[in-house]
PDB file of N, CA and C in Angstrom:
ATOM      1  N   UNK A   1     -19.852  22.498 -25.002  1.00  0.00           N
ATOM      2  CA  UNK A   1     -20.387  21.434 -23.541  1.00  0.00           C
ATOM      3  C   UNK A   1     -19.296  22.240 -22.409  1.00  0.00           C
ATOM      4  N   UNK A   2     -20.002  22.577 -21.487  1.00  0.00           N
ATOM      5  CA  UNK A   2     -19.147  22.925 -19.799  1.00  0.00           C
ATOM      6  C   UNK A   2     -18.871  21.787 -19.044  1.00  0.00           C
ATOM      7  N   UNK A   3     -17.482  21.775 -18.818  1.00  0.00           N
ATOM      8  CA  UNK A   3     -16.905  21.104 -18.010  1.00  0.00           C
ATOM      9  C   UNK A   3     -17.591  21.124 -16.318  1.00  0.00           C
ATOM     10  N   UNK A   4     -17.511  20.299 -15.798  1.00  0.00           N
ATOM     11  CA  UNK A   4     -18.267  20.219 -14.905  1.00  0.00           C
ATOM     12  C   UNK A   4     -17.004  19.462 -13.637  1.00  0.00           C
ATOM     13  N   UNK A   5     -16.794  20.019 -12.636  1.00  0.00           N
ATOM     14  CA  UNK A   5     -15.596  19.103 -11.899  1.00  0.00           C
ATOM     15  C   UNK A   5     -16.307  18.665 -10.852  1.00  0.00           C
ATOM     16  N   UNK A   6     -16.267  17.622 -11.030  1.00  0.00           N
ATOM     17  CA  UNK A   6     -17.429  16.400  -9.629  1.00  0.00           C
ATOM     18  C   UNK A   6     -16.060  16.381  -8.193  1.00  0.00           C
ATOM     19  N   UNK A   7     -14.912  16.595  -8.071  1.00  0.00           N
ATOM     20  CA  UNK A   7     -14.571  16.281  -7.201  1.00  0.00           C
ATOM     21  C   UNK A   7     -12.649  17.494  -7.124  1.00  0.00           C
ATOM     22  N   UNK A   8     -13.314  18.535  -6.264  1.00  0.00           N
ATOM     23  CA  UNK A   8     -12.015  19.609  -6.757  1.00  0.00           C
ATOM     24  C   UNK A   8     -10.958  19.089  -6.061  1.00  0.00           C
ATOM     25  N   UNK A   9      -9.238  19.510  -6.787  1.00  0.00           N
ATOM     26  CA  UNK A   9      -8.294  18.562  -6.031  1.00  0.00           C
ATOM     27  C   UNK A   9      -7.858  19.142  -4.634  1.00  0.00           C
ATOM     28  N   UNK A  10      -7.695  18.144  -3.790  1.00  0.00           N
ATOM     29  CA  UNK A  10      -7.396  18.158  -2.647  1.00  0.00           C
ATOM     30  C   UNK A  10      -6.257  19.237  -2.318  1.00  0.00           C
ATOM     31  N   UNK A  11      -6.940  20.133  -1.794  1.00  0.00           N
ATOM     32  CA  UNK A  11      -5.888  21.284  -0.966  1.00  0.00           C
ATOM     33  C   UNK A  11      -5.186  20.974   0.443  1.00  0.00           C
ATOM     34  N   UNK A  12      -5.493  19.508   0.876  1.00  0.00           N
ATOM     35  CA  UNK A  12      -5.280  19.127   2.561  1.00  0.00           C
ATOM     36  C   UNK A  12      -3.364  19.250   2.740  1.00  0.00           C
ATOM     37  N   UNK A  13      -3.240  20.236   3.796  1.00  0.00           N
ATOM     38  CA  UNK A  13      -1.207  20.204   3.571  1.00  0.00           C
ATOM     39  C   UNK A  13      -1.232  18.555   4.071  1.00  0.00           C
ATOM     40  N   UNK A  14      -0.024  18.254   3.714  1.00  0.00           N
ATOM     41  CA  UNK A  14       0.662  16.533   3.598  1.00  0.00           C
ATOM     42  C   UNK A  14      -0.206  16.082   2.552  1.00  0.00           C
ATOM     43  N   UNK A  15      -0.267  16.617   1.618  1.00  0.00           N
ATOM     44  CA  UNK A  15      -1.367  15.707   0.668  1.00  0.00           C
ATOM     45  C   UNK A  15      -0.121  15.505  -0.536  1.00  0.00           C
ATOM     46  N   UNK A  16       0.167  14.213  -1.158  1.00  0.00           N
ATOM     47  CA  UNK A  16       0.817  14.314  -2.346  1.00  0.00           C
ATOM     48  C   UNK A  16       2.395  14.106  -2.325  1.00  0.00           C
ATOM     49  N   UNK A  17       3.186  14.874  -2.430  1.00  0.00           N
ATOM     50  CA  UNK A  17       4.764  14.929  -2.343  1.00  0.00           C
ATOM     51  C   UNK A  17       5.490  15.293  -0.545  1.00  0.00           C
ATOM     52  N   UNK A  18       3.839  15.920  -0.406  1.00  0.00           N
ATOM     53  CA  UNK A  18       4.582  16.197   1.643  1.00  0.00           C
ATOM     54  C   UNK A  18       4.275  14.726   2.471  1.00  0.00           C
ATOM     55  N   UNK A  19       3.542  13.536   2.280  1.00  0.00           N
ATOM     56  CA  UNK A  19       3.702  13.041   2.872  1.00  0.00           C
ATOM     57  C   UNK A  19       4.424  11.623   2.501  1.00  0.00           C
ATOM     58  N   UNK A  20       5.460  11.462   1.061  1.00  0.00           N
ATOM     59  CA  UNK A  20       6.253  11.117   1.243  1.00  0.00           C
ATOM     60  C   UNK A  20       7.544  12.027   1.605  1.00  0.00           C
ATOM     61  N   UNK A  21       7.613  12.670   1.997  1.00  0.00           N
ATOM     62  CA  UNK A  21       9.126  13.478   2.143  1.00  0.00           C
ATOM     63  C   UNK A  21       9.215  13.596   3.891  1.00  0.00           C
ATOM     64  N   UNK A  22       7.508  13.535   4.102  1.00  0.00           N
ATOM     65  CA  UNK A  22       7.606  13.290   6.069  1.00  0.00           C
ATOM     66  C   UNK A  22       7.963  11.708   6.010  1.00  0.00           C
ATOM     67  N   UNK A  23       7.504  10.981   5.640  1.00  0.00           N
ATOM     68  CA  UNK A  23       8.213   9.072   6.000  1.00  0.00           C
ATOM     69  C   UNK A  23       9.538   9.200   5.696  1.00  0.00           C
ATOM     70  N   UNK A  24      10.396   9.722   4.259  1.00  0.00           N
ATOM     71  CA  UNK A  24      11.734   9.581   4.173  1.00  0.00           C
ATOM     72  C   UNK A  24      12.170  10.670   5.559  1.00  0.00           C
ATOM     73  N   UNK A  25      12.402  11.766   5.780  1.00  0.00           N
ATOM     74  CA  UNK A  25      12.580  12.188   6.995  1.00  0.00           C
ATOM     75  C   UNK A  25      12.433  11.421   8.622  1.00  0.00           C
ATOM     76  N   UNK A  26      11.338  10.674   8.421  1.00  0.00           N
ATOM     77  CA  UNK A  26      10.936  10.029   9.634  1.00  0.00           C
ATOM     78  C   UNK A  26      12.280   8.871   9.523  1.00  0.00           C
ATOM     79  N   UNK A  27      12.380   8.676   8.715  1.00  0.00           N
ATOM     80  CA  UNK A  27      13.487   7.105   8.014  1.00  0.00           C
ATOM     81  C   UNK A  27      14.772   7.623   8.624  1.00  0.00           C
ATOM     82  N   UNK A  28      15.161   8.764   7.967  1.00  0.00           N
ATOM     83  CA  UNK A  28      16.585   9.399   8.035  1.00  0.00           C
ATOM     84  C   UNK A  28      16.667   9.442   9.462  1.00  0.00           C
ATOM     85  N   UNK A  29      15.890  10.108  10.171  1.00  0.00           N
ATOM     86  CA  UNK A  29      16.205  10.615  11.393  1.00  0.00           C
ATOM     87  C   UNK A  29      16.425   9.215  12.538  1.00  0.00           C
ATOM     88  N   UNK A  30      15.813   8.452  12.250  1.00  0.00           N
ATOM     89  CA  UNK A  30      16.157   6.741  12.813  1.00  0.00           C
ATOM     90  C   UNK A  30      16.966   6.264  12.490  1.00  0.00           C
ATOM     91  N   UNK A  31      17.349   6.399  11.517  1.00  0.00           N
ATOM     92  CA  UNK A  31      18.592   5.529  10.977  1.00  0.00           C
ATOM     93  C   UNK A  31      20.174   6.494  11.211  1.00  0.00           C
ATOM     94  N   UNK A  32      19.437   7.778  11.373  1.00  0.00           N
ATOM     95  CA  UNK A  32      20.745   8.637  11.578  1.00  0.00           C
ATOM     96  C   UNK A  32      21.145   8.911  12.855  1.00  0.00           C
ATOM     97  N   UNK A  33      20.087   9.133  13.743  1.00  0.00           N
ATOM     98  CA  UNK A  33      19.826   9.472  15.089  1.00  0.00           C
ATOM     99  C   UNK A  33      19.502   8.449  15.845  1.00  0.00           C
ATOM    100  N   UNK A  34      19.021   7.563  15.401  1.00  0.00           N
ATOM    101  CA  UNK A  34      18.476   6.435  16.769  1.00  0.00           C
ATOM    102  C   UNK A  34      16.996   6.617  17.118  1.00  0.00           C
ATOM    103  N   UNK A  35      16.480   7.115  16.635  1.00  0.00           N
ATOM    104  CA  UNK A  35      15.185   7.692  17.034  1.00  0.00           C
ATOM    105  C   UNK A  35      14.337   6.862  16.853  1.00  0.00           C
ATOM    106  N   UNK A  36      13.430   5.913  17.401  1.00  0.00           N
ATOM    107  CA  UNK A  36      12.148   5.076  17.043  1.00  0.00           C
ATOM    108  C   UNK A  36      11.168   5.450  15.762  1.00  0.00           C
ATOM    109  N   UNK A  37      11.456   3.793  15.250  1.00  0.00           N
ATOM    110  CA  UNK A  37      10.344   4.413  14.469  1.00  0.00           C
ATOM    111  C   UNK A  37       9.047   3.720  14.665  1.00  0.00           C
ATOM    112  N   UNK A  38       8.250   5.099  13.289  1.00  0.00           N
ATOM    113  CA  UNK A  38       6.674   4.837  13.859  1.00  0.00           C
ATOM    114  C   UNK A  38       5.986   3.144  13.495  1.00  0.00           C
ATOM    115  N   UNK A  39       6.727   2.809  12.282  1.00  0.00           N
ATOM    116  CA  UNK A  39       6.451   1.303  11.946  1.00  0.00           C
ATOM    117  C   UNK A  39       7.855   0.551  11.762  1.00  0.00           C
ATOM    118  N   UNK A  40       7.159  -0.937  12.340  1.00  0.00           N
ATOM    119  CA  UNK A  40       8.179  -1.908  12.165  1.00  0.00           C
ATOM    120  C   UNK A  40       7.959  -2.764  10.898  1.00  0.00           C
ATOM    121  N   UNK A  41       9.180  -3.683  10.659  1.00  0.00           N
ATOM    122  CA  UNK A  41       9.298  -4.724   9.617  1.00  0.00           C
ATOM    123  C   UNK A  41       8.151  -5.450   9.613  1.00  0.00           C
ATOM    124  N   UNK A  42       7.766  -5.837  11.025  1.00  0.00           N
ATOM    125  CA  UNK A  42       6.685  -7.020  11.371  1.00  0.00           C
ATOM    126  C   UNK A  42       5.712  -6.608  10.909  1.00  0.00           C
ATOM    127  N   UNK A  43       4.984  -4.895  11.449  1.00  0.00           N
ATOM    128  CA  UNK A  43       4.014  -4.484  10.989  1.00  0.00           C
ATOM    129  C   UNK A  43       4.203  -4.284   9.640  1.00  0.00           C
ATOM    130  N   UNK A  44       4.934  -4.254   8.768  1.00  0.00           N
ATOM    131  CA  UNK A  44       4.880  -4.060   7.101  1.00  0.00           C
ATOM    132  C   UNK A  44       4.281  -5.821   6.648  1.00  0.00           C
ATOM    133  N   UNK A  45       5.145  -6.543   7.058  1.00  0.00           N
ATOM    134  CA  UNK A  45       4.867  -7.484   6.579  1.00  0.00           C
ATOM    135  C   UNK A  45       3.047  -8.160   6.658  1.00  0.00           C
ATOM    136  N   UNK A  46       2.637  -8.142   7.760  1.00  0.00           N
ATOM    137  CA  UNK A  46       1.439  -8.081   7.895  1.00  0.00           C
ATOM    138  C   UNK A  46       0.464  -7.565   7.140  1.00  0.00           C
ATOM    139  N   UNK A  47       0.769  -6.553   6.357  1.00  0.00           N
ATOM    140  CA  UNK A  47      -0.117  -5.301   5.607  1.00  0.00           C
ATOM    141  C   UNK A  47       0.379  -6.484   4.353  1.00  0.00           C
ATOM    142  N   UNK A  48       1.738  -6.815   4.068  1.00  0.00           N
ATOM    143  CA  UNK A  48       2.019  -7.497   2.412  1.00  0.00           C
ATOM    144  C   UNK A  48       0.987  -8.808   2.353  1.00  0.00           C
ATOM    145  N   UNK A  49       0.718  -9.396   3.751  1.00  0.00           N
ATOM    146  CA  UNK A  49      -0.170 -10.429   3.864  1.00  0.00           C
ATOM    147  C   UNK A  49      -1.478 -10.762   3.652  1.00  0.00           C
ATOM    148  N   UNK A  50      -1.958  -9.417   4.117  1.00  0.00           N
ATOM    149  CA  UNK A  50      -3.362  -9.050   3.658  1.00  0.00           C
ATOM    150  C   UNK A  50      -3.270  -8.623   2.151  1.00  0.00           C
ATOM    151  N   UNK A  51      -2.701  -7.895   1.569  1.00  0.00           N
ATOM    152  CA  UNK A  51      -2.205  -7.351   0.485  1.00  0.00           C
ATOM    153  C   UNK A  51      -2.652  -8.796  -0.510  1.00  0.00           C
ATOM    154  N   UNK A  52      -1.553  -9.634   0.034  1.00  0.00           N
ATOM    155  CA  UNK A  52      -1.613 -10.820  -1.022  1.00  0.00           C
ATOM    156  C   UNK A  52      -2.719 -11.521  -1.001  1.00  0.00           C
ATOM    157  N   UNK A  53      -3.502 -11.169  -0.121  1.00  0.00           N
ATOM    158  CA  UNK A  53      -4.752 -12.069   0.245  1.00  0.00           C
ATOM    159  C   UNK A  53      -6.305 -11.459  -0.243  1.00  0.00           C
ATOM    160  N   UNK A  54      -5.807 -10.380  -0.456  1.00  0.00           N
ATOM    161  CA  UNK A  54      -6.772  -9.208  -1.376  1.00  0.00           C
ATOM    162  C   UNK A  54      -6.782  -9.718  -2.659  1.00  0.00           C
ATOM    163  N   UNK A  55      -5.754  -9.736  -3.030  1.00  0.00           N
ATOM    164  CA  UNK A  55      -5.149 -10.534  -4.842  1.00  0.00           C
ATOM    165  C   UNK A  55      -5.920 -11.696  -4.940  1.00  0.00           C
ATOM    166  N   UNK A  56      -5.450 -12.584  -4.028  1.00  0.00           N
ATOM    167  CA  UNK A  56      -5.909 -14.073  -3.995  1.00  0.00           C
ATOM    168  C   UNK A  56      -7.228 -14.401  -4.242  1.00  0.00           C
ATOM    169  N   UNK A  57      -7.778 -13.439  -3.380  1.00  0.00           N
ATOM    170  CA  UNK A  57      -9.296 -13.491  -2.839  1.00  0.00           C
ATOM    171  C   UNK A  57      -9.969 -12.985  -4.136  1.00  0.00           C
ATOM    172  N   UNK A  58      -9.595 -12.018  -5.053  1.00  0.00           N
ATOM    173  CA  UNK A  58     -10.318 -11.605  -6.018  1.00  0.00           C
ATOM    174  C   UNK A  58      -9.946 -12.827  -6.991  1.00  0.00           C
ATOM    175  N   UNK A  59      -8.837 -13.082  -7.414  1.00  0.00           N
ATOM    176  CA  UNK A  59      -8.241 -14.231  -8.496  1.00  0.00           C
ATOM    177  C   UNK A  59      -9.604 -15.437  -8.294  1.00  0.00           C
ATOM    178  N   UNK A  60      -9.648 -16.279  -6.572  1.00  0.00           N
ATOM    179  CA  UNK A  60     -10.283 -17.261  -6.353  1.00  0.00           C
ATOM    180  C   UNK A  60     -11.768 -17.434  -6.888  1.00  0.00           C
ATOM    181  N   UNK A  61     -11.874 -15.718  -6.310  1.00  0.00           N
ATOM    182  CA  UNK A  61     -13.346 -15.292  -6.361  1.00  0.00           C
ATOM    183  C   UNK A  61     -14.281 -15.942  -4.896  1.00  0.00           C
ATOM    184  N   UNK A  62     -13.366 -15.611  -3.762  1.00  0.00           N
ATOM    185  CA  UNK A  62     -14.055 -15.877  -2.521  1.00  0.00           C
ATOM    186  C   UNK A  62     -13.374 -15.324  -1.696  1.00  0.00           C
ATOM    187  N   UNK A  63     -13.724 -15.219  -0.266  1.00  0.00           N
ATOM    188  CA  UNK A  63     -13.532 -15.127   0.784  1.00  0.00           C
ATOM    189  C   UNK A  63     -12.046 -15.979   1.791  1.00  0.00           C
ATOM    190  N   UNK A  64     -11.133 -15.351   2.240  1.00  0.00           N
ATOM    191  CA  UNK A  64      -9.862 -15.861   2.360  1.00  0.00           C
ATOM    192  C   UNK A  64     -10.053 -15.465   3.962  1.00  0.00           C
ATOM    193  N   UNK A  65      -9.852 -16.694   4.793  1.00  0.00           N
ATOM    194  CA  UNK A  65      -9.684 -16.210   6.372  1.00  0.00           C
ATOM    195  C   UNK A  65      -7.585 -16.134   6.484  1.00  0.00           C
ATOM    196  N   UNK A  66      -7.596 -15.017   7.392  1.00  0.00           N
ATOM    197  CA  UNK A  66      -6.522 -14.495   7.554  1.00  0.00           C
ATOM    198  C   UNK A  66      -5.868 -15.497   8.843  1.00  0.00           C
TER     199      UNK A  66
END
């Protein structure tokens, strides 16, 4: 039986470890050099709220309003 590739590996520059390196470099620069960070803690809190609502919605089987 011949293997069939349904989706080839992503060759996009910045994929995989590169995105992690870019984020870490960005944050370290902000901490050491005082450059502005792209994201704020407030923004991350909103993402966590949405993520928690997704899991809760799935467990309860209903839509939730945020």
